[in-house]
Amino acid sequence: MNSKIIASEVMAQELLEGRDVSFWLKKAIKENLVRDPVDALNDAEILLDVLKKRCSEALGCLVT
């Protein structure tokens, strides 16, 4: 098995077990583990852009 895949699975499991990780993030991790990783990443990048824009507008500053 590819070590990068193993590393991502370990990271995901640590987050799923984290007490300080939001239920929303845990749900998103679980749902995306079964998706095509390229599609999941593309969607996550779009979501990141939307959230940055929303935060920037709310704070009146540029968020990078």
N, C-alpha and C. Protein backbone atom coordinates (compact mmCIF):
# COMPACT_ATOMS: atom_id res chain seq x y z
N MET A 1 0.85 -1.20 0.00
CA MET A 1 0.00 0.00 0.00
C MET A 1 0.89 1.24 0.00
N ASN A 2 0.45 2.26 -0.67
CA ASN A 2 1.18 3.52 -0.79
C ASN A 2 1.27 4.22 0.56
N SER A 3 2.48 4.69 0.94
CA SER A 3 2.67 5.32 2.25
C SER A 3 1.88 6.62 2.37
N LYS A 4 1.63 7.33 1.26
CA LYS A 4 0.85 8.56 1.31
C LYS A 4 -0.61 8.25 1.66
N ILE A 5 -1.12 7.16 1.13
CA ILE A 5 -2.49 6.76 1.47
C ILE A 5 -2.56 6.40 2.95
N ILE A 6 -1.60 5.68 3.43
CA ILE A 6 -1.57 5.31 4.84
C ILE A 6 -1.49 6.56 5.71
N ALA A 7 -0.64 7.50 5.35
CA ALA A 7 -0.50 8.74 6.12
C ALA A 7 -1.81 9.51 6.16
N SER A 8 -2.53 9.56 5.06
CA SER A 8 -3.80 10.28 5.04
C SER A 8 -4.84 9.56 5.89
N GLU A 9 -4.81 8.24 5.89
CA GLU A 9 -5.75 7.49 6.71
C GLU A 9 -5.46 7.67 8.20
N VAL A 10 -4.18 7.71 8.55
CA VAL A 10 -3.80 7.96 9.95
C VAL A 10 -4.25 9.35 10.37
N MET A 11 -4.03 10.33 9.52
CA MET A 11 -4.43 11.70 9.83
C MET A 11 -5.95 11.79 10.00
N ALA A 12 -6.68 11.17 9.09
CA ALA A 12 -8.14 11.18 9.18
C ALA A 12 -8.61 10.52 10.47
N GLN A 13 -8.02 9.39 10.81
CA GLN A 13 -8.42 8.69 12.03
C GLN A 13 -8.14 9.52 13.28
N GLU A 14 -7.00 10.19 13.31
CA GLU A 14 -6.67 11.05 14.45
C GLU A 14 -7.69 12.18 14.59
N LEU A 15 -8.08 12.76 13.48
CA LEU A 15 -9.08 13.83 13.53
C LEU A 15 -10.44 13.29 13.97
N LEU A 16 -10.81 12.11 13.47
CA LEU A 16 -12.09 11.53 13.85
C LEU A 16 -12.15 11.19 15.34
N GLU A 17 -11.01 10.91 15.93
CA GLU A 17 -10.95 10.59 17.35
C GLU A 17 -10.73 11.83 18.22
N GLY A 18 -10.45 12.96 17.61
CA GLY A 18 -10.13 14.17 18.36
C GLY A 18 -11.34 14.73 19.09
N ARG A 19 -11.15 15.04 20.34
CA ARG A 19 -12.24 15.60 21.15
C ARG A 19 -12.50 17.06 20.80
N ASP A 20 -11.51 17.72 20.27
CA ASP A 20 -11.66 19.14 19.95
C ASP A 20 -12.02 19.39 18.48
N VAL A 21 -12.31 18.33 17.76
CA VAL A 21 -12.68 18.44 16.34
C VAL A 21 -14.20 18.50 16.25
N SER A 22 -14.70 19.46 15.49
CA SER A 22 -16.16 19.66 15.39
C SER A 22 -16.84 18.46 14.75
N PHE A 23 -18.11 18.28 15.13
CA PHE A 23 -18.91 17.22 14.54
C PHE A 23 -19.04 17.42 13.04
N TRP A 24 -19.14 18.68 12.60
CA TRP A 24 -19.26 18.99 11.18
C TRP A 24 -18.03 18.49 10.42
N LEU A 25 -16.83 18.77 10.96
CA LEU A 25 -15.61 18.34 10.28
C LEU A 25 -15.48 16.82 10.28
N LYS A 26 -15.82 16.19 11.39
CA LYS A 26 -15.77 14.72 11.44
C LYS A 26 -16.71 14.11 10.40
N LYS A 27 -17.90 14.67 10.27
CA LYS A 27 -18.86 14.18 9.29
C LYS A 27 -18.31 14.35 7.87
N ALA A 28 -17.72 15.52 7.61
CA ALA A 28 -17.15 15.78 6.28
C ALA A 28 -16.01 14.82 5.97
N ILE A 29 -15.17 14.54 6.96
CA ILE A 29 -14.06 13.60 6.75
C ILE A 29 -14.60 12.22 6.42
N LYS A 30 -15.56 11.74 7.22
CA LYS A 30 -16.14 10.41 6.97
C LYS A 30 -16.76 10.32 5.58
N GLU A 31 -17.53 11.33 5.21
CA GLU A 31 -18.20 11.31 3.91
C GLU A 31 -17.21 11.36 2.76
N ASN A 32 -16.12 12.07 2.94
CA ASN A 32 -15.17 12.23 1.84
C ASN A 32 -14.15 11.10 1.73
N LEU A 33 -14.04 10.26 2.75
CA LEU A 33 -13.14 9.11 2.66
C LEU A 33 -13.59 8.10 1.61
N VAL A 34 -14.86 8.10 1.28
CA VAL A 34 -15.38 7.14 0.30
C VAL A 34 -15.51 7.76 -1.10
N ARG A 35 -15.21 9.04 -1.21
CA ARG A 35 -15.32 9.72 -2.50
C ARG A 35 -14.00 9.64 -3.27
N ASP A 36 -14.09 9.91 -4.54
CA ASP A 36 -12.89 10.06 -5.35
C ASP A 36 -12.08 11.22 -4.75
N PRO A 37 -10.81 11.01 -4.43
CA PRO A 37 -10.04 12.07 -3.76
C PRO A 37 -9.86 13.34 -4.58
N VAL A 38 -9.82 13.22 -5.89
CA VAL A 38 -9.68 14.41 -6.73
C VAL A 38 -10.95 15.24 -6.69
N ASP A 39 -12.09 14.58 -6.78
CA ASP A 39 -13.37 15.28 -6.70
C ASP A 39 -13.54 15.93 -5.33
N ALA A 40 -13.20 15.20 -4.28
CA ALA A 40 -13.32 15.73 -2.92
C ALA A 40 -12.43 16.96 -2.73
N LEU A 41 -11.20 16.89 -3.25
CA LEU A 41 -10.28 18.03 -3.13
C LEU A 41 -10.80 19.23 -3.90
N ASN A 42 -11.29 19.01 -5.11
CA ASN A 42 -11.83 20.12 -5.90
C ASN A 42 -12.98 20.80 -5.17
N ASP A 43 -13.88 20.00 -4.60
CA ASP A 43 -15.00 20.57 -3.85
C ASP A 43 -14.52 21.32 -2.61
N ALA A 44 -13.53 20.76 -1.92
CA ALA A 44 -13.00 21.40 -0.72
C ALA A 44 -12.35 22.74 -1.06
N GLU A 45 -11.67 22.81 -2.19
CA GLU A 45 -11.04 24.07 -2.59
C GLU A 45 -12.09 25.13 -2.92
N ILE A 46 -13.17 24.72 -3.55
CA ILE A 46 -14.26 25.66 -3.83
C ILE A 46 -14.88 26.14 -2.53
N LEU A 47 -15.13 25.22 -1.60
CA LEU A 47 -15.68 25.59 -0.29
C LEU A 47 -14.74 26.55 0.42
N LEU A 48 -13.45 26.29 0.37
CA LEU A 48 -12.47 27.19 1.00
C LEU A 48 -12.56 28.59 0.41
N ASP A 49 -12.66 28.69 -0.91
CA ASP A 49 -12.78 30.00 -1.55
C ASP A 49 -14.04 30.74 -1.10
N VAL A 50 -15.15 30.02 -1.01
CA VAL A 50 -16.41 30.64 -0.56
C VAL A 50 -16.27 31.12 0.88
N LEU A 51 -15.70 30.29 1.75
CA LEU A 51 -15.56 30.66 3.16
C LEU A 51 -14.58 31.82 3.36
N LYS A 52 -13.52 31.86 2.58
CA LYS A 52 -12.58 32.98 2.65
C LYS A 52 -13.28 34.28 2.24
N LYS A 53 -14.06 34.21 1.17
CA LYS A 53 -14.80 35.39 0.70
C LYS A 53 -15.78 35.85 1.76
N ARG A 54 -16.51 34.92 2.34
CA ARG A 54 -17.50 35.25 3.38
C ARG A 54 -16.81 35.89 4.59
N CYS A 55 -15.70 35.31 5.02
CA CYS A 55 -14.95 35.84 6.15
C CYS A 55 -14.40 37.23 5.84
N SER A 56 -13.87 37.38 4.65
CA SER A 56 -13.33 38.66 4.22
C SER A 56 -14.40 39.74 4.24
N GLU A 57 -15.57 39.41 3.74
CA GLU A 57 -16.68 40.36 3.72
C GLU A 57 -17.15 40.70 5.14
N ALA A 58 -17.18 39.71 6.00
CA ALA A 58 -17.64 39.91 7.38
C ALA A 58 -16.65 40.77 8.17
N LEU A 59 -15.37 40.59 7.91
CA LEU A 59 -14.34 41.30 8.66
C LEU A 59 -13.90 42.58 7.96
N GLY A 60 -14.30 42.76 6.72
CA GLY A 60 -13.90 43.94 5.97
C GLY A 60 -12.42 43.97 5.63
N CYS A 61 -11.85 42.79 5.46
CA CYS A 61 -10.44 42.72 5.10
C CYS A 61 -10.23 41.53 4.17
N LEU A 62 -9.07 41.50 3.56
CA LEU A 62 -8.74 40.42 2.65
C LEU A 62 -8.20 39.25 3.43
N VAL A 63 -8.78 38.07 3.24
CA VAL A 63 -8.29 36.84 3.85
C VAL A 63 -7.66 36.03 2.74
N THR A 64 -6.42 35.61 2.93
CA THR A 64 -5.73 34.83 1.89
C THR A 64 -5.67 33.38 2.22
